[in-house]
Amino acid sequence: MARCTWCGSDPQYVAYHDEEWGVSVRGDIPLFEKLMLDAFQSGLSWLVVLRKRQAITTRLHLNDPQQLARMNSRSIDSAMQDSSIIRNKAKIEACVHNARIFLDLLESGESFSTLLWSHVGEQPIINRWNTLKQVPSRTAEGDAMSKTLKGLGFKWTGPTVCYAFMQATGMVNDHITSCPRWSEVQELPTGGR
């Protein structure tokens, strides 16, 4: 398979590339969880996050924002003792803070999914990159998403984090055109425009 070379040969990374990256994700909670994982990536490689993803998701309740929002200084300090997660107190505190904003947003009748997908017109953007060197680390759409999220009070949602999140959740298809996944993800539901 002539896949995107960024995943190298690590089996976990290859599986992520072949099964998840670029596949459209919808739904408020799944998108919140993925955005928080991308916040953990800031300053690290995605492989580090990928290897600790299950532990981070479980320990911090990323798929249960109500429970995450109830974390206090004692439970954050306890999480900091857990070597199975990325122990960055600022990022953990940001996740708790972001969960509270996320819940406020839902309580006001807003859809997090609709808010995020509105930055790409509700359909994935299909890019046509021939090499990895052409793939940007940020775009106008990612910058706009970051501005929206920061305007709502979210933390660790800068332009680069937002664009990596957009790539991961299929809001943009940044597989290179020679990679079989470039066409495969387009054949999935909400495959693109």
Protein backbone atom coordinates (compact mmCIF):
# COMPACT_ATOMS: atom_id res chain seq x y z
CA MET A 1 0.00 0.00 0.00
CA ALA A 2 1.40 3.40 -1.00
CA ARG A 3 0.03 5.07 2.12
CA CYS A 4 0.98 8.48 3.46
CA THR A 5 4.52 8.11 4.79
CA TRP A 6 3.95 10.10 8.01
CA CYS A 7 2.76 6.96 9.81
CA GLY A 8 6.00 5.09 9.13
CA SER A 9 5.94 1.38 9.93
CA ASP A 10 4.77 1.39 13.55
CA PRO A 11 1.79 -1.03 13.59
CA GLN A 12 -0.34 1.19 15.84
CA TYR A 13 0.37 4.27 13.74
CA VAL A 14 -0.30 2.39 10.49
CA ALA A 15 -3.62 1.08 11.85
CA TYR A 16 -4.59 4.62 12.86
CA HIS A 17 -3.77 5.89 9.37
CA ASP A 18 -5.58 3.01 7.64
CA GLU A 19 -8.70 2.96 9.81
CA GLU A 20 -9.29 6.34 11.47
CA TRP A 21 -7.39 9.34 10.13
CA GLY A 22 -9.51 11.33 7.73
CA VAL A 23 -12.74 9.44 8.45
CA SER A 24 -15.62 11.82 9.11
CA VAL A 25 -16.64 12.02 12.77
CA ARG A 26 -19.97 13.54 13.77
CA GLY A 27 -21.58 13.92 17.16
CA ASP A 28 -20.97 16.31 20.00
CA ILE A 29 -19.20 13.97 22.42
CA PRO A 30 -17.01 12.09 19.92
CA LEU A 31 -15.79 15.41 18.52
CA PHE A 32 -15.16 16.85 21.99
CA GLU A 33 -13.13 13.75 22.91
CA LYS A 34 -11.03 13.98 19.75
CA LEU A 35 -10.46 17.72 20.19
CA MET A 36 -9.19 17.17 23.72
CA LEU A 37 -6.84 14.42 22.52
CA ASP A 38 -5.49 16.82 19.89
CA ALA A 39 -4.90 19.37 22.65
CA PHE A 40 -2.71 16.76 24.36
CA GLN A 41 -0.74 16.41 21.13
CA SER A 42 0.41 20.03 21.25
CA GLY A 43 4.21 19.93 21.44
CA LEU A 44 4.29 16.13 21.11
CA SER A 45 4.04 13.59 18.32
CA TRP A 46 0.63 12.06 17.68
CA LEU A 47 2.17 8.62 18.25
CA VAL A 48 2.81 9.53 21.91
CA VAL A 49 -0.87 10.46 22.31
CA LEU A 50 -2.02 7.43 20.36
CA ARG A 51 -0.11 5.08 22.67
CA LYS A 52 -1.72 6.69 25.72
CA ARG A 53 -5.10 7.50 24.18
CA GLN A 54 -7.15 4.83 25.94
CA ALA A 55 -5.64 5.67 29.34
CA ILE A 56 -6.18 9.42 28.83
CA THR A 57 -9.77 8.91 27.67
CA THR A 58 -10.57 6.62 30.60
CA ARG A 59 -8.73 8.49 33.36
CA LEU A 60 -10.02 11.92 32.35
CA HIS A 61 -13.49 10.78 31.23
CA LEU A 62 -13.07 12.45 27.83
CA ASN A 63 -16.13 10.61 26.55
CA ASP A 64 -18.18 11.74 29.57
CA PRO A 65 -17.83 15.54 29.70
CA GLN A 66 -20.17 15.80 32.72
CA GLN A 67 -17.84 13.64 34.79
CA LEU A 68 -14.77 15.43 33.40
CA ALA A 69 -16.29 18.82 34.30
CA ARG A 70 -16.68 17.66 37.92
CA MET A 71 -12.95 17.00 38.34
CA ASN A 72 -11.46 19.18 41.08
CA SER A 73 -7.92 19.94 42.21
CA ARG A 74 -7.75 16.69 44.21
CA SER A 75 -8.79 14.51 41.26
CA ILE A 76 -6.47 16.44 38.93
CA ASP A 77 -3.57 15.88 41.35
CA SER A 78 -4.49 12.20 41.47
CA ALA A 79 -4.48 12.01 37.67
CA MET A 80 -1.04 13.61 37.66
CA GLN A 81 0.27 10.54 39.52
CA ASP A 82 -0.90 8.20 36.75
CA SER A 83 2.07 7.37 34.51
CA SER A 84 -0.21 5.78 31.90
CA ILE A 85 -1.38 9.25 30.76
CA ILE A 86 0.39 12.38 29.55
CA ARG A 87 0.99 14.17 32.84
CA ASN A 88 0.69 17.79 31.84
CA LYS A 89 -1.30 19.63 34.49
CA ALA A 90 -2.07 22.63 32.26
CA LYS A 91 -3.54 20.34 29.59
CA ILE A 92 -5.56 18.35 32.13
CA GLU A 93 -6.92 21.55 33.69
CA ALA A 94 -7.74 22.83 30.20
CA CYS A 95 -9.74 19.65 29.48
CA VAL A 96 -11.76 20.17 32.68
CA HIS A 97 -12.31 23.83 31.80
CA ASN A 98 -13.26 22.94 28.21
CA ALA A 99 -15.73 20.30 29.40
CA ARG A 100 -17.55 22.98 31.40
CA ILE A 101 -17.73 25.27 28.36
CA PHE A 102 -18.84 22.35 26.17
CA LEU A 103 -21.68 21.53 28.58
CA ASP A 104 -22.74 25.20 28.74
CA LEU A 105 -22.83 25.26 24.95
CA LEU A 106 -25.06 22.17 24.80
CA GLU A 107 -27.27 23.53 27.57
CA SER A 108 -27.83 26.68 25.51
CA GLY A 109 -29.15 24.50 22.68
CA GLU A 110 -26.03 24.63 20.48
CA SER A 111 -24.65 21.55 18.73
CA PHE A 112 -20.88 21.26 19.09
CA SER A 113 -20.80 19.09 15.98
CA THR A 114 -22.73 21.62 13.90
CA LEU A 115 -20.55 24.47 15.21
CA LEU A 116 -17.34 22.68 14.22
CA TRP A 117 -18.53 21.30 10.88
CA SER A 118 -19.83 24.76 9.90
CA HIS A 119 -16.18 25.74 9.33
CA VAL A 120 -16.09 23.43 6.29
CA GLY A 121 -19.65 24.01 5.09
CA GLU A 122 -20.86 20.74 6.66
CA GLN A 123 -18.94 18.62 4.11
CA PRO A 124 -15.29 17.50 4.09
CA ILE A 125 -12.87 19.49 2.01
CA ILE A 126 -11.08 17.15 -0.41
CA ASN A 127 -7.53 18.35 -0.90
CA ARG A 128 -5.35 17.05 -3.71
CA TRP A 129 -1.83 16.93 -2.33
CA ASN A 130 0.76 14.93 -4.28
CA THR A 131 3.41 15.02 -1.54
CA LEU A 132 3.44 15.43 2.23
CA LYS A 133 5.45 18.64 1.79
CA GLN A 134 2.34 20.24 0.27
CA VAL A 135 0.13 19.51 3.29
CA PRO A 136 -0.21 22.67 5.42
CA SER A 137 -0.02 22.71 9.22
CA ARG A 138 -2.76 25.34 9.37
CA THR A 139 -5.36 26.85 7.06
CA ALA A 140 -7.91 29.67 7.04
CA GLU A 141 -10.61 27.16 8.10
CA GLY A 142 -8.53 25.93 11.04
CA ASP A 143 -7.70 29.50 12.01
CA ALA A 144 -11.41 30.38 11.95
CA MET A 145 -12.30 27.34 14.07
CA SER A 146 -9.61 28.29 16.58
CA LYS A 147 -10.93 31.85 16.75
CA THR A 148 -14.49 30.58 17.33
CA LEU A 149 -13.43 28.14 20.05
CA LYS A 150 -11.20 30.66 21.80
CA GLY A 151 -14.03 33.19 21.60
CA LEU A 152 -16.17 30.72 23.52
CA GLY A 153 -13.41 30.36 26.11
CA PHE A 154 -11.86 27.03 25.06
CA LYS A 155 -8.18 26.49 25.88
CA TRP A 156 -5.42 24.65 23.95
CA THR A 157 -7.34 25.10 20.69
CA GLY A 158 -4.86 27.07 18.62
CA PRO A 159 -4.84 27.07 14.80
CA THR A 160 -2.41 24.14 14.48
CA VAL A 161 -4.34 22.02 17.00
CA CYS A 162 -7.59 22.82 15.20
CA TYR A 163 -6.21 21.91 11.79
CA ALA A 164 -4.76 18.61 13.06
CA PHE A 165 -8.19 17.92 14.58
CA MET A 166 -9.87 18.73 11.24
CA GLN A 167 -7.56 16.28 9.47
CA ALA A 168 -8.14 13.56 12.06
CA THR A 169 -11.94 13.89 12.03
CA GLY A 170 -12.32 13.99 8.26
CA MET A 171 -13.32 17.62 7.99
CA VAL A 172 -10.52 17.76 5.45
CA ASN A 173 -9.06 14.89 3.45
CA ASP A 174 -5.31 15.40 3.61
CA HIS A 175 -4.26 11.93 2.53
CA ILE A 176 -1.93 12.34 -0.42
CA THR A 177 -3.59 11.44 -3.71
CA SER A 178 -1.42 8.32 -4.26
CA CYS A 179 -2.58 6.90 -0.91
CA PRO A 180 -5.52 4.47 -1.30
CA ARG A 181 -7.18 6.09 1.71
CA TRP A 182 -7.54 9.36 -0.23
CA SER A 183 -10.29 7.83 -2.37
CA GLU A 184 -11.54 5.32 0.23
CA VAL A 185 -12.54 7.97 2.79
CA GLN A 186 -14.48 9.80 0.09
CA GLU A 187 -16.63 6.71 -0.41
CA LEU A 188 -17.63 6.66 3.27
CA PRO A 189 -20.72 8.55 4.54
CA THR A 190 -20.15 12.34 4.34
CA GLY A 191 -17.14 11.63 2.14
CA GLY A 192 -16.67 15.13 0.83
CA ARG A 193 -17.24 17.91 -1.61
